C-alpha atoms as a PDB file:
ATOM      1  CA  UNK A   1     -25.259  -7.869  12.399  1.00  0.00           C
ATOM      2  CA  UNK A   2     -22.253  -5.869  10.302  1.00  0.00           C
ATOM      3  CA  UNK A   3     -21.755  -6.677   6.695  1.00  0.00           C
ATOM      4  CA  UNK A   4     -18.694  -8.651   5.704  1.00  0.00           C
ATOM      5  CA  UNK A   5     -16.970  -6.736   2.545  1.00  0.00           C
ATOM      6  CA  UNK A   6     -16.765  -8.454  -0.470  1.00  0.00           C
ATOM      7  CA  UNK A   7     -12.928  -8.222  -2.035  1.00  0.00           C
ATOM      8  CA  UNK A   8     -11.427  -8.588  -5.465  1.00  0.00           C
ATOM      9  CA  UNK A   9      -8.122  -9.103  -5.630  1.00  0.00           C
ATOM     10  CA  UNK A  10      -5.974  -7.774  -8.910  1.00  0.00           C
ATOM     11  CA  UNK A  11      -2.528  -8.717  -9.637  1.00  0.00           C
ATOM     12  CA  UNK A  12      -0.233  -7.143 -12.215  1.00  0.00           C
ATOM     13  CA  UNK A  13       2.504 -10.245 -12.082  1.00  0.00           C
ATOM     14  CA  UNK A  14       5.103  -8.351 -14.270  1.00  0.00           C
ATOM     15  CA  UNK A  15       5.880  -5.723 -11.618  1.00  0.00           C
ATOM     16  CA  UNK A  16       5.089  -7.494  -8.613  1.00  0.00           C
ATOM     17  CA  UNK A  17       7.263 -10.459  -7.018  1.00  0.00           C
ATOM     18  CA  UNK A  18       5.940 -13.791  -6.689  1.00  0.00           C
ATOM     19  CA  UNK A  19       7.467 -14.166  -3.359  1.00  0.00           C
ATOM     20  CA  UNK A  20       4.783 -11.119  -2.228  1.00  0.00           C
ATOM     21  CA  UNK A  21       1.967 -13.632  -2.765  1.00  0.00           C
ATOM     22  CA  UNK A  22       1.256 -14.639   0.683  1.00  0.00           C
ATOM     23  CA  UNK A  23       1.602 -10.926   1.916  1.00  0.00           C
ATOM     24  CA  UNK A  24      -0.953  -9.636  -0.696  1.00  0.00           C
ATOM     25  CA  UNK A  25      -3.348 -12.254   0.352  1.00  0.00           C
ATOM     26  CA  UNK A  26      -3.015 -12.111   3.882  1.00  0.00           C
ATOM     27  CA  UNK A  27      -3.927  -7.998   3.725  1.00  0.00           C
ATOM     28  CA  UNK A  28      -6.454  -8.856   1.486  1.00  0.00           C
ATOM     29  CA  UNK A  29      -8.169 -11.215   4.167  1.00  0.00           C
ATOM     30  CA  UNK A  30      -8.301  -8.145   6.889  1.00  0.00           C
ATOM     31  CA  UNK A  31     -10.396  -6.206   4.339  1.00  0.00           C
ATOM     32  CA  UNK A  32     -12.999  -8.752   3.832  1.00  0.00           C
ATOM     33  CA  UNK A  33     -14.183 -12.131   2.056  1.00  0.00           C
ATOM     34  CA  UNK A  34     -12.003 -12.259  -0.838  1.00  0.00           C
ATOM     35  CA  UNK A  35     -14.583 -13.407  -3.754  1.00  0.00           C
ATOM     36  CA  UNK A  36     -12.357 -12.533  -6.748  1.00  0.00           C
ATOM     37  CA  UNK A  37      -8.467 -13.737  -7.214  1.00  0.00           C
ATOM     38  CA  UNK A  38      -7.346 -12.474 -10.644  1.00  0.00           C
ATOM     39  CA  UNK A  39      -3.425 -12.264 -12.059  1.00  0.00           C
ATOM     40  CA  UNK A  40      -2.517 -10.969 -15.125  1.00  0.00           C
ATOM     41  CA  UNK A  41       0.758 -11.880 -17.305  1.00  0.00           C
ATOM     42  CA  UNK A  42       2.240 -12.842 -20.757  1.00  0.00           C
ATOM     43  CA  UNK A  43       2.309 -16.562 -19.210  1.00  0.00           C
ATOM     44  CA  UNK A  44       4.878 -17.423 -22.202  1.00  0.00           C
ATOM     45  CA  UNK A  45       7.677 -14.856 -20.509  1.00  0.00           C
ATOM     46  CA  UNK A  46      10.223 -16.378 -18.092  1.00  0.00           C
ATOM     47  CA  UNK A  47      10.197 -13.717 -15.969  1.00  0.00           C
ATOM     48  CA  UNK A  48       6.806 -14.363 -14.227  1.00  0.00           C
ATOM     49  CA  UNK A  49       7.289 -18.551 -13.930  1.00  0.00           C
ATOM     50  CA  UNK A  50       7.617 -17.883 -10.293  1.00  0.00           C
ATOM     51  CA  UNK A  51       3.839 -16.702 -10.180  1.00  0.00           C
ATOM     52  CA  UNK A  52       2.639 -20.331 -11.625  1.00  0.00           C
ATOM     53  CA  UNK A  53       3.115 -21.894  -8.520  1.00  0.00           C
ATOM     54  CA  UNK A  54       1.654 -19.323  -6.280  1.00  0.00           C
ATOM     55  CA  UNK A  55      -1.574 -19.301  -8.460  1.00  0.00           C
ATOM     56  CA  UNK A  56      -2.501 -22.810  -7.797  1.00  0.00           C
ATOM     57  CA  UNK A  57      -1.827 -22.331  -3.873  1.00  0.00           C
ATOM     58  CA  UNK A  58      -3.724 -18.991  -3.834  1.00  0.00           C
ATOM     59  CA  UNK A  59      -6.296 -20.628  -6.278  1.00  0.00           C
ATOM     60  CA  UNK A  60      -5.932 -17.348  -8.544  1.00  0.00           C
ATOM     61  CA  UNK A  61      -7.513 -17.163 -12.135  1.00  0.00           C
ATOM     62  CA  UNK A  62      -4.694 -16.358 -14.546  1.00  0.00           C
ATOM     63  CA  UNK A  63      -5.294 -14.055 -17.095  1.00  0.00           C
ATOM     64  CA  UNK A  64      -3.136 -14.286 -20.372  1.00  0.00           C
ATOM     65  CA  UNK A  65      -2.288 -11.254 -22.200  1.00  0.00           C
ATOM     66  CA  UNK A  66       0.146 -12.015 -24.891  1.00  0.00           C
ATOM     67  CA  UNK A  67       2.508  -8.891 -26.042  1.00  0.00           C
ATOM     68  CA  UNK A  68       1.832  -8.535 -29.550  1.00  0.00           C
ATOM     69  CA  UNK A  69       4.501  -5.456 -29.407  1.00  0.00           C
ATOM     70  CA  UNK A  70       7.369  -4.622 -26.855  1.00  0.00           C
ATOM     71  CA  UNK A  71       6.790  -2.207 -24.743  1.00  0.00           C
ATOM     72  CA  UNK A  72       3.016  -1.873 -24.975  1.00  0.00           C
ATOM     73  CA  UNK A  73       0.800  -1.881 -22.168  1.00  0.00           C
ATOM     74  CA  UNK A  74      -1.122  -4.809 -22.775  1.00  0.00           C
ATOM     75  CA  UNK A  75      -1.184  -6.349 -19.203  1.00  0.00           C
ATOM     76  CA  UNK A  76      -2.482  -2.986 -17.778  1.00  0.00           C
ATOM     77  CA  UNK A  77      -5.200  -2.497 -20.180  1.00  0.00           C
ATOM     78  CA  UNK A  78      -6.312  -5.717 -19.342  1.00  0.00           C
ATOM     79  CA  UNK A  79      -6.588  -5.755 -16.206  1.00  0.00           C
ATOM     80  CA  UNK A  80      -8.373  -2.158 -16.119  1.00  0.00           C
ATOM     81  CA  UNK A  81     -11.192  -4.036 -18.517  1.00  0.00           C
ATOM     82  CA  UNK A  82     -11.649  -6.695 -16.199  1.00  0.00           C
ATOM     83  CA  UNK A  83     -11.249  -4.469 -13.152  1.00  0.00           C
ATOM     84  CA  UNK A  84     -14.482  -2.345 -15.032  1.00  0.00           C
ATOM     85  CA  UNK A  85     -16.492  -6.033 -15.804  1.00  0.00           C
ATOM     86  CA  UNK A  86     -16.085  -6.547 -12.166  1.00  0.00           C
ATOM     87  CA  UNK A  87     -17.240  -3.356 -10.816  1.00  0.00           C
ATOM     88  CA  UNK A  88     -20.792  -3.429 -13.079  1.00  0.00           C
ATOM     89  CA  UNK A  89     -21.320  -7.094 -12.927  1.00  0.00           C
ATOM     90  CA  UNK A  90     -20.166  -8.412  -9.204  1.00  0.00           C
ATOM     91  CA  UNK A  91     -20.796  -7.009  -5.391  1.00  0.00           C
ATOM     92  CA  UNK A  92     -17.540  -5.855  -4.496  1.00  0.00           C
ATOM     93  CA  UNK A  93     -16.801  -3.389  -1.978  1.00  0.00           C
ATOM     94  CA  UNK A  94     -13.105  -3.268  -2.053  1.00  0.00           C
ATOM     95  CA  UNK A  95     -10.983  -4.024  -4.627  1.00  0.00           C
ATOM     96  CA  UNK A  96      -7.047  -4.495  -3.900  1.00  0.00           C
ATOM     97  CA  UNK A  97      -4.741  -3.452  -6.862  1.00  0.00           C
ATOM     98  CA  UNK A  98      -1.002  -5.370  -6.459  1.00  0.00           C
ATOM     99  CA  UNK A  99       0.915  -3.124  -9.258  1.00  0.00           C
ATOM    100  CA  UNK A 100       3.934  -0.672  -9.463  1.00  0.00           C
ATOM    101  CA  UNK A 101       2.467   1.121 -12.575  1.00  0.00           C
ATOM    102  CA  UNK A 102       1.234   4.589 -12.292  1.00  0.00           C
ATOM    103  CA  UNK A 103      -0.659   3.948 -15.462  1.00  0.00           C
ATOM    104  CA  UNK A 104      -3.506   2.491 -13.022  1.00  0.00           C
ATOM    105  CA  UNK A 105      -3.864   5.723 -11.015  1.00  0.00           C
ATOM    106  CA  UNK A 106      -6.914   6.752 -13.279  1.00  0.00           C
ATOM    107  CA  UNK A 107      -8.622   3.243 -12.867  1.00  0.00           C
ATOM    108  CA  UNK A 108      -8.038   3.800  -9.194  1.00  0.00           C
ATOM    109  CA  UNK A 109      -9.943   7.058  -9.400  1.00  0.00           C
ATOM    110  CA  UNK A 110     -13.128   5.717 -11.548  1.00  0.00           C
ATOM    111  CA  UNK A 111     -13.307   3.123  -8.465  1.00  0.00           C
ATOM    112  CA  UNK A 112     -13.144   5.489  -6.019  1.00  0.00           C
ATOM    113  CA  UNK A 113     -15.881   7.800  -7.423  1.00  0.00           C
ATOM    114  CA  UNK A 114     -17.994   4.867  -7.495  1.00  0.00           C
ATOM    115  CA  UNK A 115     -17.547   4.428  -3.744  1.00  0.00           C
ATOM    116  CA  UNK A 116     -15.213   1.848  -3.766  1.00  0.00           C
ATOM    117  CA  UNK A 117     -12.372   1.209  -1.398  1.00  0.00           C
ATOM    118  CA  UNK A 118      -9.146   0.805  -3.104  1.00  0.00           C
ATOM    119  CA  UNK A 119      -6.192  -0.495  -1.576  1.00  0.00           C
ATOM    120  CA  UNK A 120      -2.691  -0.486  -3.203  1.00  0.00           C
ATOM    121  CA  UNK A 121      -0.117  -2.931  -2.581  1.00  0.00           C
ATOM    122  CA  UNK A 122       3.332  -2.759  -4.141  1.00  0.00           C
ATOM    123  CA  UNK A 123       7.259  -1.531  -4.086  1.00  0.00           C
ATOM    124  CA  UNK A 124       8.859   1.498  -2.300  1.00  0.00           C
ATOM    125  CA  UNK A 125      10.034   2.788  -5.622  1.00  0.00           C
ATOM    126  CA  UNK A 126       6.031   3.488  -7.359  1.00  0.00           C
ATOM    127  CA  UNK A 127       5.633   7.130  -7.968  1.00  0.00           C
ATOM    128  CA  UNK A 128       3.656   8.898  -4.864  1.00  0.00           C
ATOM    129  CA  UNK A 129       0.777  10.364  -6.894  1.00  0.00           C
ATOM    130  CA  UNK A 130       0.054   6.722  -7.673  1.00  0.00           C
ATOM    131  CA  UNK A 131       0.196   6.186  -3.988  1.00  0.00           C
ATOM    132  CA  UNK A 132      -2.358   8.789  -2.872  1.00  0.00           C
ATOM    133  CA  UNK A 133      -4.746   7.499  -5.097  1.00  0.00           C
ATOM    134  CA  UNK A 134      -5.542   4.811  -3.186  1.00  0.00           C
ATOM    135  CA  UNK A 135      -7.353   5.199   0.324  1.00  0.00           C
ATOM    136  CA  UNK A 136      -4.373   3.086   1.434  1.00  0.00           C
ATOM    137  CA  UNK A 137      -1.184   2.241  -0.023  1.00  0.00           C
ATOM    138  CA  UNK A 138       0.873  -1.056   1.650  1.00  0.00           C
ATOM    139  CA  UNK A 139       4.312  -1.738   0.894  1.00  0.00           C
ATOM    140  CA  UNK A 140       5.323  -5.305  -0.075  1.00  0.00           C
ATOM    141  CA  UNK A 141       8.469  -6.434   2.096  1.00  0.00           C
ATOM    142  CA  UNK A 142      11.489  -5.538   1.060  1.00  0.00           C
ATOM    143  CA  UNK A 143      12.689  -8.708   0.955  1.00  0.00           C
ATOM    144  CA  UNK A 144      10.703  -9.603  -2.230  1.00  0.00           C
ATOM    145  CA  UNK A 145      12.283  -6.058  -3.654  1.00  0.00           C
ATOM    146  CA  UNK A 146      15.833  -7.329  -4.460  1.00  0.00           C
ATOM    147  CA  UNK A 147      16.927  -5.860  -7.188  1.00  0.00           C
ATOM    148  CA  UNK A 148      20.215  -7.092  -9.449  1.00  0.00           C
ATOM    149  CA  UNK A 149      23.274  -4.524  -9.308  1.00  0.00           C
ATOM    150  CA  UNK A 150      23.614  -2.545 -12.537  1.00  0.00           C
ATOM    151  CA  UNK A 151      26.504  -1.342 -14.405  1.00  0.00           C
ATOM    152  CA  UNK A 152      26.849   2.121 -15.502  1.00  0.00           C
ATOM    153  CA  UNK A 153      25.397   1.259 -19.164  1.00  0.00           C
ATOM    154  CA  UNK A 154      22.095  -0.110 -17.128  1.00  0.00           C
ATOM    155  CA  UNK A 155      22.751  -3.638 -17.647  1.00  0.00           C
ATOM    156  CA  UNK A 156      22.900  -6.699 -14.727  1.00  0.00           C
ATOM    157  CA  UNK A 157      26.667  -7.153 -13.968  1.00  0.00           C
ATOM    158  CA  UNK A 158      27.237 -11.066 -14.098  1.00  0.00           C
ATOM    159  CA  UNK A 159      28.152 -12.712 -10.821  1.00  0.00           C
ATOM    160  CA  UNK A 160      27.527  -9.787  -8.948  1.00  0.00           C
ATOM    161  CA  UNK A 161      25.230 -10.081  -5.843  1.00  0.00           C
ATOM    162  CA  UNK A 162      22.120  -8.440  -5.311  1.00  0.00           C
ATOM    163  CA  UNK A 163      21.667  -5.267  -2.969  1.00  0.00           C
ATOM    164  CA  UNK A 164      20.864  -5.868   0.345  1.00  0.00           C
ATOM    165  CA  UNK A 165      17.343  -5.459   1.067  1.00  0.00           C
ATOM    166  CA  UNK A 166      16.347  -2.899   3.562  1.00  0.00           C
ATOM    167  CA  UNK A 167      14.806  -3.641   6.913  1.00  0.00           C
ATOM    168  CA  UNK A 168      10.975  -2.967   6.830  1.00  0.00           C
ATOM    169  CA  UNK A 169      11.107  -1.933  10.540  1.00  0.00           C
ATOM    170  CA  UNK A 170      12.031   1.384  10.299  1.00  0.00           C
ATOM    171  CA  UNK A 171      11.482   3.485   7.204  1.00  0.00           C
ATOM    172  CA  UNK A 172      12.882   6.722   7.860  1.00  0.00           C
ATOM    173  CA  UNK A 173      12.799   8.469   4.793  1.00  0.00           C
ATOM    174  CA  UNK A 174       8.734   8.353   4.847  1.00  0.00           C
ATOM    175  CA  UNK A 175       8.918  10.537   7.265  1.00  0.00           C
ATOM    176  CA  UNK A 176      10.381  13.585   5.344  1.00  0.00           C
ATOM    177  CA  UNK A 177      10.409  17.405   6.028  1.00  0.00           C
ATOM    178  CA  UNK A 178       7.056  17.595   4.401  1.00  0.00           C
ATOM    179  CA  UNK A 179       5.056  15.195   6.373  1.00  0.00           C
ATOM    180  CA  UNK A 180       6.860  16.331   9.354  1.00  0.00           C
ATOM    181  CA  UNK A 181       5.398  19.607   8.660  1.00  0.00           C
ATOM    182  CA  UNK A 182       1.949  18.207   8.187  1.00  0.00           C
ATOM    183  CA  UNK A 183       1.923  16.153  11.047  1.00  0.00           C
ATOM    184  CA  UNK A 184       2.712  19.171  13.259  1.00  0.00           C
ATOM    185  CA  UNK A 185       0.247  21.366  11.424  1.00  0.00           C
ATOM    186  CA  UNK A 186      -2.588  18.580  11.973  1.00  0.00           C
ATOM    187  CA  UNK A 187      -1.877  18.094  15.651  1.00  0.00           C
ATOM    188  CA  UNK A 188      -1.762  21.880  16.478  1.00  0.00           C
ATOM    189  CA  UNK A 189      -4.951  22.413  14.879  1.00  0.00           C
ATOM    190  CA  UNK A 190      -6.693  19.916  16.222  1.00  0.00           C
ATOM    191  CA  UNK A 191      -5.328  21.433  19.688  1.00  0.00           C
ATOM    192  CA  UNK A 192      -6.299  24.699  18.923  1.00  0.00           C
ATOM    193  CA  UNK A 193      -9.607  23.649  18.353  1.00  0.00           C
ATOM    194  CA  UNK A 194     -10.412  20.971  21.280  1.00  0.00           C
ATOM    195  CA  UNK A 195      -7.213  21.282  23.345  1.00  0.00           C
ATOM    196  CA  UNK A 196      -6.490  17.624  22.522  1.00  0.00           C
ATOM    197  CA  UNK A 197      -5.555  15.671  18.781  1.00  0.00           C
ATOM    198  CA  UNK A 198      -6.873  12.282  19.430  1.00  0.00           C
ATOM    199  CA  UNK A 199      -4.948   9.578  17.866  1.00  0.00           C
ATOM    200  CA  UNK A 200      -7.893   8.457  15.666  1.00  0.00           C
ATOM    201  CA  UNK A 201      -8.168  11.582  14.247  1.00  0.00           C
ATOM    202  CA  UNK A 202      -4.506  12.130  13.312  1.00  0.00           C
ATOM    203  CA  UNK A 203      -4.206   8.777  11.615  1.00  0.00           C
ATOM    204  CA  UNK A 204      -7.315   9.674   9.457  1.00  0.00           C
ATOM    205  CA  UNK A 205      -6.447  13.489   8.769  1.00  0.00           C
ATOM    206  CA  UNK A 206      -2.597  12.397   7.950  1.00  0.00           C
ATOM    207  CA  UNK A 207      -3.758   9.285   5.631  1.00  0.00           C
ATOM    208  CA  UNK A 208      -5.797  11.552   3.785  1.00  0.00           C
ATOM    209  CA  UNK A 209      -2.787  13.601   2.397  1.00  0.00           C
ATOM    210  CA  UNK A 210      -0.315  10.349   2.248  1.00  0.00           C
ATOM    211  CA  UNK A 211      -2.126   7.010   1.835  1.00  0.00           C
ATOM    212  CA  UNK A 212       0.563   5.240   2.459  1.00  0.00           C
ATOM    213  CA  UNK A 213       0.471   6.756   6.306  1.00  0.00           C
ATOM    214  CA  UNK A 214      -0.129   3.132   7.911  1.00  0.00           C
ATOM    215  CA  UNK A 215       1.336   1.804  10.764  1.00  0.00           C
ATOM    216  CA  UNK A 216       2.452  -1.332   8.773  1.00  0.00           C
ATOM    217  CA  UNK A 217       4.817   0.306   6.371  1.00  0.00           C
ATOM    218  CA  UNK A 218       6.569   1.825   9.248  1.00  0.00           C
ATOM    219  CA  UNK A 219       7.148  -1.564  11.189  1.00  0.00           C
ATOM    220  CA  UNK A 220       3.818  -1.697  13.400  1.00  0.00           C
ATOM    221  CA  UNK A 221       0.943  -3.401  14.416  1.00  0.00           C
ATOM    222  CA  UNK A 222      -1.096  -0.164  15.505  1.00  0.00           C
ATOM    223  CA  UNK A 223      -1.354   3.445  15.359  1.00  0.00           C
ATOM    224  CA  UNK A 224      -0.229   3.838  19.218  1.00  0.00           C
ATOM    225  CA  UNK A 225       2.635   1.764  18.435  1.00  0.00           C
ATOM    226  CA  UNK A 226       3.438   3.825  15.119  1.00  0.00           C
ATOM    227  CA  UNK A 227       3.120   7.091  17.578  1.00  0.00           C
ATOM    228  CA  UNK A 228       5.564   5.911  19.720  1.00  0.00           C
ATOM    229  CA  UNK A 229       8.001   5.742  16.842  1.00  0.00           C
ATOM    230  CA  UNK A 230       7.719   8.877  15.912  1.00  0.00           C
ATOM    231  CA  UNK A 231       7.942  10.204  19.424  1.00  0.00           C
ATOM    232  CA  UNK A 232      11.465  11.996  18.170  1.00  0.00           C
ATOM    233  CA  UNK A 233       9.253  14.338  16.156  1.00  0.00           C
ATOM    234  CA  UNK A 234       6.974  15.192  18.566  1.00  0.00           C
ATOM    235  CA  UNK A 235       8.891  16.473  21.684  1.00  0.00           C
ATOM    236  CA  UNK A 236       6.344  19.480  22.033  1.00  0.00           C
ATOM    237  CA  UNK A 237       3.706  17.247  22.903  1.00  0.00           C
ATOM    238  CA  UNK A 238       2.689  14.683  25.572  1.00  0.00           C
ATOM    239  CA  UNK A 239       0.314  11.843  25.697  1.00  0.00           C
ATOM    240  CA  UNK A 240      -2.745  11.594  27.151  1.00  0.00           C
ATOM    241  CA  UNK A 241      -5.401   9.109  27.251  1.00  0.00           C
ATOM    242  CA  UNK A 242      -9.020   9.201  28.464  1.00  0.00           C
ATOM    243  CA  UNK A 243     -10.758   8.128  31.746  1.00  0.00           C
ATOM    244  CA  UNK A 244     -10.837   4.699  30.695  1.00  0.00           C
ATOM    245  CA  UNK A 245      -7.252   4.472  29.461  1.00  0.00           C
ATOM    246  CA  UNK A 246      -8.323   3.286  26.423  1.00  0.00           C
ATOM    247  CA  UNK A 247      -8.431   6.838  24.050  1.00  0.00           C
ATOM    248  CA  UNK A 248      -5.049   8.152  23.355  1.00  0.00           C
ATOM    249  CA  UNK A 249      -4.490  11.774  22.429  1.00  0.00           C
ATOM    250  CA  UNK A 250      -1.554  14.400  22.392  1.00  0.00           C
ATOM    251  CA  UNK A 251      -1.491  17.975  24.053  1.00  0.00           C
ATOM    252  CA  UNK A 252       1.115  20.674  24.178  1.00  0.00           C
ATOM    253  CA  UNK A 253       3.590  20.571  26.799  1.00  0.00           C
ATOM    254  CA  UNK A 254       3.714  23.428  29.502  1.00  0.00           C
ATOM    255  CA  UNK A 255       6.462  25.227  28.845  1.00  0.00           C
ATOM    256  CA  UNK A 256       8.705  25.990  32.054  1.00  0.00           C
END
């Protein structure tokens, strides 16, 4: 019988919107049995009041950390300490960290060095080096990240409508020139070696380079659908399937 992974969910409430709660736990449930649910904040702040209802709804343990001095990383430190306590005291296979703060990068590395799977969830504006520290990084829905308009001095404008959220379905900017180049290099190398570049191998190698190269980040529910969406960048290849019609791969088009 296949082992079901134990999952720990750790949320930094001060840089993740409460409207993302359902997505966070929907994603976490895909990785196994959620046995730890902890959320960290200075709960005296009005900025996190939206999370209070979600704490009860999803049966989370709310950790209180007062801000002793402004701009100090007290929440980060509290989450990191608890993550390490959980690492050594509980049988956890997968850590889900919902945050947008690159201060957690070292924590992610430490967990992975101890053979834990670490999944990140956060906004699309997070640092790429932080994203790539994870086994996988899943972007939270754009409609959970509507930001207030700001004036030239960086202050919120009064009576100014919030920015219109960008649709999640197509994130064109995620396939920049570097990613397109790496994708082509990976496919070409596989074809040179065996004549075929299997979807599973492409997915694995791209995710090693870019942890956010995950179908759902492109609005797709499978890697097959993602490859279909990337067809405009893959014009020199054709799609093939094995005899059973289940395993898909790419091969070079014949030149005419």
